[in-house]
Amino acid sequence: MSKIPIADSLVVARKVVRALEKIIPKELAKDCRVESWSNCREQGLCIKRWSRDGGFDRRVVVAEARSSDSILVVTGTYCDFDMQTNQPSDEAWHNRQYFDCGEYELAAKYILKIFKKNRLTVKR
């Protein structure tokens, strides 16, 4: 227990990241980085995954939803997020998923599935 209270949304995000760390393969984990994310009342974490061959990039924002105690997960590519703030675009926001309170492992499995996806096909 911390002497200084941590925002509930960050506690939720950290629990999802810890659950992800338990299941993510080392080879995939070395391509990931966790950063901060804030959207006014929602504070969370942004998990970035780069491809070593330059083929693709995935980003995931995870937090406690501001209007409930559900787990919020927003996914997309690097183009779908602001490079400095990790704020998702409207398009990425439409890809959001919610998980029930306490479903940290289920959210982590979903994130791992996103990170394992192959290259996105671009429609021209």
N, C-alpha and C. Protein backbone atom coordinates (compact mmCIF):
# COMPACT_ATOMS: atom_id res chain seq x y z
N MET A 1 0.85 -1.19 0.00
CA MET A 1 0.00 0.00 0.00
C MET A 1 0.88 1.24 0.00
N SER A 2 0.56 2.16 -0.85
CA SER A 2 1.32 3.40 -0.98
C SER A 2 0.83 4.42 0.03
N LYS A 3 1.76 5.19 0.57
CA LYS A 3 1.39 6.26 1.49
C LYS A 3 0.66 7.37 0.75
N ILE A 4 1.06 7.58 -0.50
CA ILE A 4 0.41 8.60 -1.33
C ILE A 4 -0.60 7.88 -2.21
N PRO A 5 -1.88 8.23 -2.08
CA PRO A 5 -2.91 7.55 -2.88
C PRO A 5 -2.70 7.74 -4.38
N ILE A 6 -2.96 6.70 -5.13
CA ILE A 6 -2.84 6.71 -6.59
C ILE A 6 -4.26 6.72 -7.17
N ALA A 7 -4.47 7.50 -8.21
CA ALA A 7 -5.78 7.58 -8.86
C ALA A 7 -6.26 6.19 -9.24
N ASP A 8 -7.54 5.92 -8.98
CA ASP A 8 -8.11 4.60 -9.25
C ASP A 8 -7.88 4.16 -10.69
N SER A 9 -8.01 5.09 -11.63
CA SER A 9 -7.83 4.75 -13.03
C SER A 9 -6.43 4.23 -13.31
N LEU A 10 -5.42 4.83 -12.65
CA LEU A 10 -4.05 4.36 -12.82
C LEU A 10 -3.83 3.00 -12.17
N VAL A 11 -4.50 2.77 -11.05
CA VAL A 11 -4.40 1.47 -10.38
C VAL A 11 -4.93 0.39 -11.32
N VAL A 12 -6.06 0.65 -11.96
CA VAL A 12 -6.65 -0.31 -12.90
C VAL A 12 -5.69 -0.55 -14.06
N ALA A 13 -5.16 0.52 -14.64
CA ALA A 13 -4.24 0.38 -15.78
C ALA A 13 -3.01 -0.43 -15.40
N ARG A 14 -2.46 -0.18 -14.21
CA ARG A 14 -1.28 -0.93 -13.77
C ARG A 14 -1.59 -2.41 -13.59
N LYS A 15 -2.79 -2.73 -13.11
CA LYS A 15 -3.16 -4.14 -12.94
C LYS A 15 -3.28 -4.85 -14.28
N VAL A 16 -3.78 -4.14 -15.28
CA VAL A 16 -3.86 -4.74 -16.62
C VAL A 16 -2.46 -4.95 -17.18
N VAL A 17 -1.58 -3.98 -17.00
CA VAL A 17 -0.20 -4.13 -17.49
C VAL A 17 0.50 -5.29 -16.77
N ARG A 18 0.29 -5.43 -15.47
CA ARG A 18 0.90 -6.56 -14.74
C ARG A 18 0.36 -7.89 -15.26
N ALA A 19 -0.93 -7.95 -15.56
CA ALA A 19 -1.52 -9.17 -16.12
C ALA A 19 -0.94 -9.46 -17.49
N LEU A 20 -0.71 -8.42 -18.30
CA LEU A 20 -0.12 -8.58 -19.62
C LEU A 20 1.32 -9.09 -19.50
N GLU A 21 2.07 -8.56 -18.55
CA GLU A 21 3.46 -8.98 -18.37
C GLU A 21 3.57 -10.47 -18.05
N LYS A 22 2.56 -11.04 -17.43
CA LYS A 22 2.58 -12.46 -17.09
C LYS A 22 2.40 -13.36 -18.31
N ILE A 23 1.76 -12.85 -19.36
CA ILE A 23 1.43 -13.71 -20.50
C ILE A 23 2.15 -13.35 -21.80
N ILE A 24 2.75 -12.18 -21.87
CA ILE A 24 3.37 -11.75 -23.13
C ILE A 24 4.72 -12.46 -23.30
N PRO A 25 4.98 -13.00 -24.48
CA PRO A 25 6.28 -13.62 -24.74
C PRO A 25 7.40 -12.58 -24.66
N LYS A 26 8.58 -13.01 -24.19
CA LYS A 26 9.72 -12.09 -24.04
C LYS A 26 10.07 -11.40 -25.35
N GLU A 27 10.00 -12.15 -26.46
CA GLU A 27 10.35 -11.58 -27.76
C GLU A 27 9.43 -10.42 -28.13
N LEU A 28 8.18 -10.53 -27.75
CA LEU A 28 7.21 -9.48 -28.03
C LEU A 28 7.34 -8.34 -27.01
N ALA A 29 7.59 -8.67 -25.77
CA ALA A 29 7.70 -7.67 -24.71
C ALA A 29 8.84 -6.69 -24.95
N LYS A 30 9.93 -7.16 -25.55
CA LYS A 30 11.08 -6.28 -25.77
C LYS A 30 10.77 -5.19 -26.80
N ASP A 31 9.71 -5.36 -27.56
CA ASP A 31 9.30 -4.36 -28.55
C ASP A 31 8.25 -3.40 -28.00
N CYS A 32 7.95 -3.50 -26.71
CA CYS A 32 6.89 -2.70 -26.10
C CYS A 32 7.45 -1.66 -25.14
N ARG A 33 6.66 -0.63 -24.92
CA ARG A 33 7.01 0.42 -23.96
C ARG A 33 5.72 0.97 -23.38
N VAL A 34 5.73 1.26 -22.08
CA VAL A 34 4.57 1.81 -21.39
C VAL A 34 4.82 3.29 -21.11
N GLU A 35 3.84 4.11 -21.47
CA GLU A 35 3.91 5.55 -21.23
C GLU A 35 2.61 6.01 -20.58
N SER A 36 2.53 7.26 -20.24
CA SER A 36 1.34 7.79 -19.59
C SER A 36 0.32 8.26 -20.62
N TRP A 37 -0.91 8.40 -20.16
CA TRP A 37 -2.00 8.93 -20.98
C TRP A 37 -3.01 9.59 -20.06
N SER A 38 -3.57 10.70 -20.48
CA SER A 38 -4.58 11.39 -19.69
C SER A 38 -5.62 12.00 -20.61
N ASN A 39 -6.86 11.88 -20.20
CA ASN A 39 -7.98 12.45 -20.93
C ASN A 39 -8.90 13.09 -19.90
N CYS A 40 -8.44 14.16 -19.31
CA CYS A 40 -9.17 14.86 -18.25
C CYS A 40 -9.37 13.95 -17.04
N ARG A 41 -10.58 13.42 -16.86
CA ARG A 41 -10.86 12.59 -15.68
C ARG A 41 -10.32 11.18 -15.79
N GLU A 42 -9.99 10.74 -16.99
CA GLU A 42 -9.42 9.41 -17.17
C GLU A 42 -7.90 9.53 -17.23
N GLN A 43 -7.23 8.81 -16.37
CA GLN A 43 -5.79 8.69 -16.45
C GLN A 43 -5.47 7.22 -16.61
N GLY A 44 -4.52 6.96 -17.46
CA GLY A 44 -4.17 5.57 -17.69
C GLY A 44 -2.79 5.44 -18.28
N LEU A 45 -2.60 4.33 -18.96
CA LEU A 45 -1.31 4.03 -19.56
C LEU A 45 -1.48 3.75 -21.04
N CYS A 46 -0.47 4.10 -21.81
CA CYS A 46 -0.43 3.78 -23.23
C CYS A 46 0.68 2.77 -23.42
N ILE A 47 0.34 1.64 -23.99
CA ILE A 47 1.33 0.61 -24.28
C ILE A 47 1.60 0.65 -25.78
N LYS A 48 2.86 0.88 -26.12
CA LYS A 48 3.25 0.97 -27.53
C LYS A 48 4.03 -0.28 -27.90
N ARG A 49 3.76 -0.78 -29.08
CA ARG A 49 4.50 -1.93 -29.59
C ARG A 49 5.02 -1.61 -30.98
N TRP A 50 6.33 -1.69 -31.17
CA TRP A 50 6.94 -1.46 -32.47
C TRP A 50 7.39 -2.78 -33.06
N SER A 51 7.35 -2.86 -34.36
CA SER A 51 7.88 -4.02 -35.06
C SER A 51 9.34 -3.76 -35.36
N ARG A 52 10.18 -4.73 -35.09
CA ARG A 52 11.62 -4.57 -35.35
C ARG A 52 11.91 -4.45 -36.85
N ASP A 53 11.04 -5.04 -37.69
CA ASP A 53 11.27 -4.94 -39.13
C ASP A 53 10.59 -3.72 -39.74
N GLY A 54 10.02 -2.89 -38.91
CA GLY A 54 9.37 -1.68 -39.40
C GLY A 54 8.02 -1.93 -40.04
N GLY A 55 7.50 -3.13 -39.89
CA GLY A 55 6.27 -3.51 -40.56
C GLY A 55 5.01 -2.92 -39.98
N PHE A 56 4.93 -2.80 -38.68
CA PHE A 56 3.71 -2.27 -38.09
C PHE A 56 3.96 -1.77 -36.68
N ASP A 57 3.00 -1.06 -36.20
CA ASP A 57 3.07 -0.45 -34.88
C ASP A 57 1.67 -0.49 -34.30
N ARG A 58 1.57 -0.88 -33.07
CA ARG A 58 0.27 -0.90 -32.39
C ARG A 58 0.37 -0.05 -31.13
N ARG A 59 -0.73 0.57 -30.80
CA ARG A 59 -0.82 1.33 -29.54
C ARG A 59 -2.11 0.97 -28.86
N VAL A 60 -2.03 0.92 -27.54
CA VAL A 60 -3.19 0.58 -26.73
C VAL A 60 -3.22 1.51 -25.53
N VAL A 61 -4.36 2.13 -25.30
CA VAL A 61 -4.57 2.93 -24.10
C VAL A 61 -5.46 2.10 -23.17
N VAL A 62 -5.08 2.04 -21.90
CA VAL A 62 -5.87 1.31 -20.92
C VAL A 62 -6.07 2.18 -19.68
N ALA A 63 -7.30 2.18 -19.17
CA ALA A 63 -7.66 2.98 -18.00
C ALA A 63 -8.98 2.48 -17.43
N GLU A 64 -9.36 3.05 -16.31
CA GLU A 64 -10.70 2.83 -15.80
C GLU A 64 -11.60 3.85 -16.49
N ALA A 65 -12.73 3.41 -17.03
CA ALA A 65 -13.64 4.31 -17.73
C ALA A 65 -14.15 5.39 -16.78
N ARG A 66 -14.27 6.60 -17.28
CA ARG A 66 -14.65 7.71 -16.40
C ARG A 66 -16.09 7.64 -15.91
N SER A 67 -16.97 6.99 -16.64
CA SER A 67 -18.38 6.97 -16.26
C SER A 67 -18.77 5.67 -15.54
N SER A 68 -17.81 4.79 -15.33
CA SER A 68 -18.11 3.53 -14.64
C SER A 68 -16.80 2.99 -14.08
N ASP A 69 -16.86 1.80 -13.52
CA ASP A 69 -15.61 1.18 -13.05
C ASP A 69 -15.15 0.10 -14.03
N SER A 70 -15.65 0.16 -15.27
CA SER A 70 -15.22 -0.76 -16.31
C SER A 70 -13.78 -0.45 -16.73
N ILE A 71 -13.14 -1.43 -17.32
CA ILE A 71 -11.80 -1.24 -17.87
C ILE A 71 -11.96 -0.80 -19.32
N LEU A 72 -11.34 0.31 -19.66
CA LEU A 72 -11.38 0.88 -21.01
C LEU A 72 -10.09 0.50 -21.73
N VAL A 73 -10.23 -0.03 -22.95
CA VAL A 73 -9.07 -0.35 -23.80
C VAL A 73 -9.34 0.24 -25.18
N VAL A 74 -8.44 1.12 -25.63
CA VAL A 74 -8.55 1.75 -26.94
C VAL A 74 -7.35 1.31 -27.76
N THR A 75 -7.58 0.83 -28.98
CA THR A 75 -6.49 0.28 -29.80
C THR A 75 -6.40 0.97 -31.15
N GLY A 76 -5.21 0.92 -31.73
CA GLY A 76 -5.00 1.45 -33.06
C GLY A 76 -3.54 1.36 -33.45
N THR A 77 -3.20 2.00 -34.56
CA THR A 77 -1.82 2.07 -35.02
C THR A 77 -1.23 3.40 -34.56
N TYR A 78 0.05 3.60 -34.82
CA TYR A 78 0.69 4.85 -34.41
C TYR A 78 0.02 6.06 -35.04
N CYS A 79 -0.54 5.91 -36.24
CA CYS A 79 -1.23 7.02 -36.92
C CYS A 79 -2.52 7.42 -36.21
N ASP A 80 -3.06 6.52 -35.40
CA ASP A 80 -4.32 6.77 -34.72
C ASP A 80 -4.16 7.47 -33.37
N PHE A 81 -2.91 7.80 -33.00
CA PHE A 81 -2.64 8.41 -31.70
C PHE A 81 -1.72 9.61 -31.86
N ASP A 82 -1.92 10.63 -31.03
CA ASP A 82 -1.02 11.77 -31.01
C ASP A 82 0.34 11.31 -30.48
N MET A 83 1.40 11.71 -31.14
CA MET A 83 2.74 11.23 -30.77
C MET A 83 3.20 11.72 -29.40
N GLN A 84 2.76 12.89 -28.96
CA GLN A 84 3.23 13.44 -27.70
C GLN A 84 2.33 13.12 -26.53
N THR A 85 1.03 13.09 -26.75
CA THR A 85 0.09 12.91 -25.63
C THR A 85 -0.51 11.51 -25.57
N ASN A 86 -0.32 10.72 -26.62
CA ASN A 86 -0.92 9.38 -26.74
C ASN A 86 -2.45 9.43 -26.78
N GLN A 87 -2.99 10.59 -27.10
CA GLN A 87 -4.44 10.75 -27.21
C GLN A 87 -4.93 10.05 -28.47
N PRO A 88 -5.91 9.13 -28.35
CA PRO A 88 -6.42 8.44 -29.54
C PRO A 88 -7.27 9.35 -30.40
N SER A 89 -7.22 9.10 -31.70
CA SER A 89 -8.07 9.83 -32.65
C SER A 89 -9.51 9.33 -32.49
N ASP A 90 -10.42 10.02 -33.17
CA ASP A 90 -11.82 9.58 -33.16
C ASP A 90 -11.95 8.18 -33.73
N GLU A 91 -11.15 7.88 -34.75
CA GLU A 91 -11.20 6.54 -35.36
C GLU A 91 -10.78 5.47 -34.36
N ALA A 92 -9.69 5.71 -33.65
CA ALA A 92 -9.24 4.75 -32.63
C ALA A 92 -10.27 4.65 -31.51
N TRP A 93 -10.85 5.78 -31.14
CA TRP A 93 -11.84 5.79 -30.06
C TRP A 93 -13.02 4.88 -30.41
N HIS A 94 -13.35 4.78 -31.68
CA HIS A 94 -14.44 3.89 -32.09
C HIS A 94 -14.06 2.42 -31.93
N ASN A 95 -12.75 2.12 -31.81
CA ASN A 95 -12.28 0.75 -31.60
C ASN A 95 -12.22 0.37 -30.12
N ARG A 96 -12.72 1.21 -29.25
CA ARG A 96 -12.60 0.94 -27.82
C ARG A 96 -13.42 -0.28 -27.41
N GLN A 97 -12.90 -0.92 -26.39
CA GLN A 97 -13.57 -2.08 -25.80
C GLN A 97 -13.67 -1.85 -24.30
N TYR A 98 -14.69 -2.38 -23.71
CA TYR A 98 -14.85 -2.29 -22.26
C TYR A 98 -14.86 -3.70 -21.68
N PHE A 99 -14.25 -3.83 -20.52
CA PHE A 99 -14.24 -5.08 -19.77
C PHE A 99 -14.77 -4.79 -18.39
N ASP A 100 -15.45 -5.77 -17.81
CA ASP A 100 -16.01 -5.59 -16.48
C ASP A 100 -14.92 -5.33 -15.46
N CYS A 101 -15.29 -4.65 -14.41
CA CYS A 101 -14.37 -4.35 -13.31
C CYS A 101 -13.71 -5.65 -12.82
N GLY A 102 -12.41 -5.63 -12.71
CA GLY A 102 -11.70 -6.81 -12.22
C GLY A 102 -11.28 -7.80 -13.29
N GLU A 103 -11.69 -7.60 -14.54
CA GLU A 103 -11.32 -8.52 -15.62
C GLU A 103 -9.97 -8.13 -16.23
N TYR A 104 -8.96 -8.00 -15.37
CA TYR A 104 -7.63 -7.57 -15.81
C TYR A 104 -7.02 -8.58 -16.77
N GLU A 105 -7.15 -9.86 -16.45
CA GLU A 105 -6.56 -10.90 -17.30
C GLU A 105 -7.24 -10.95 -18.66
N LEU A 106 -8.55 -10.77 -18.70
CA LEU A 106 -9.27 -10.77 -19.97
C LEU A 106 -8.84 -9.57 -20.84
N ALA A 107 -8.71 -8.41 -20.22
CA ALA A 107 -8.23 -7.23 -20.94
C ALA A 107 -6.81 -7.46 -21.45
N ALA A 108 -5.96 -8.08 -20.64
CA ALA A 108 -4.57 -8.36 -21.04
C ALA A 108 -4.54 -9.33 -22.22
N LYS A 109 -5.38 -10.34 -22.21
CA LYS A 109 -5.43 -11.29 -23.33
C LYS A 109 -5.88 -10.59 -24.61
N TYR A 110 -6.81 -9.67 -24.49
CA TYR A 110 -7.28 -8.90 -25.65
C TYR A 110 -6.13 -8.06 -26.21
N ILE A 111 -5.38 -7.39 -25.34
CA ILE A 111 -4.25 -6.57 -25.76
C ILE A 111 -3.19 -7.42 -26.44
N LEU A 112 -2.89 -8.58 -25.87
CA LEU A 112 -1.91 -9.48 -26.47
C LEU A 112 -2.35 -9.90 -27.88
N LYS A 113 -3.62 -10.16 -28.03
CA LYS A 113 -4.17 -10.53 -29.36
C LYS A 113 -3.95 -9.39 -30.35
N ILE A 114 -4.17 -8.15 -29.91
CA ILE A 114 -3.95 -6.98 -30.77
C ILE A 114 -2.47 -6.89 -31.16
N PHE A 115 -1.58 -7.08 -30.20
CA PHE A 115 -0.15 -6.98 -30.47
C PHE A 115 0.35 -8.09 -31.38
N LYS A 116 -0.31 -9.23 -31.40
CA LYS A 116 0.13 -10.34 -32.24
C LYS A 116 -0.39 -10.26 -33.67
N LYS A 117 -1.34 -9.35 -33.92
CA LYS A 117 -1.91 -9.24 -35.26
C LYS A 117 -0.83 -8.89 -36.26
N ASN A 118 -1.00 -9.42 -37.47
CA ASN A 118 -0.07 -9.12 -38.55
C ASN A 118 -0.27 -7.70 -39.04
N ARG A 119 0.57 -7.34 -39.96
CA ARG A 119 0.54 -6.05 -40.61
C ARG A 119 -0.89 -5.69 -41.06
N LEU A 120 -1.23 -4.42 -40.91
CA LEU A 120 -2.52 -3.95 -41.39
C LEU A 120 -2.47 -3.81 -42.91
N THR A 121 -3.55 -4.12 -43.58
CA THR A 121 -3.61 -3.89 -45.02
C THR A 121 -4.23 -2.54 -45.24
N VAL A 122 -3.59 -1.75 -46.08
CA VAL A 122 -4.06 -0.40 -46.36
C VAL A 122 -4.93 -0.43 -47.61
N LYS A 123 -6.14 0.09 -47.49
CA LYS A 123 -7.04 0.17 -48.65
C LYS A 123 -6.65 1.38 -49.48
N ARG A 124 -6.51 1.18 -50.76
CA ARG A 124 -6.14 2.29 -51.66
C ARG A 124 -7.23 2.55 -52.65
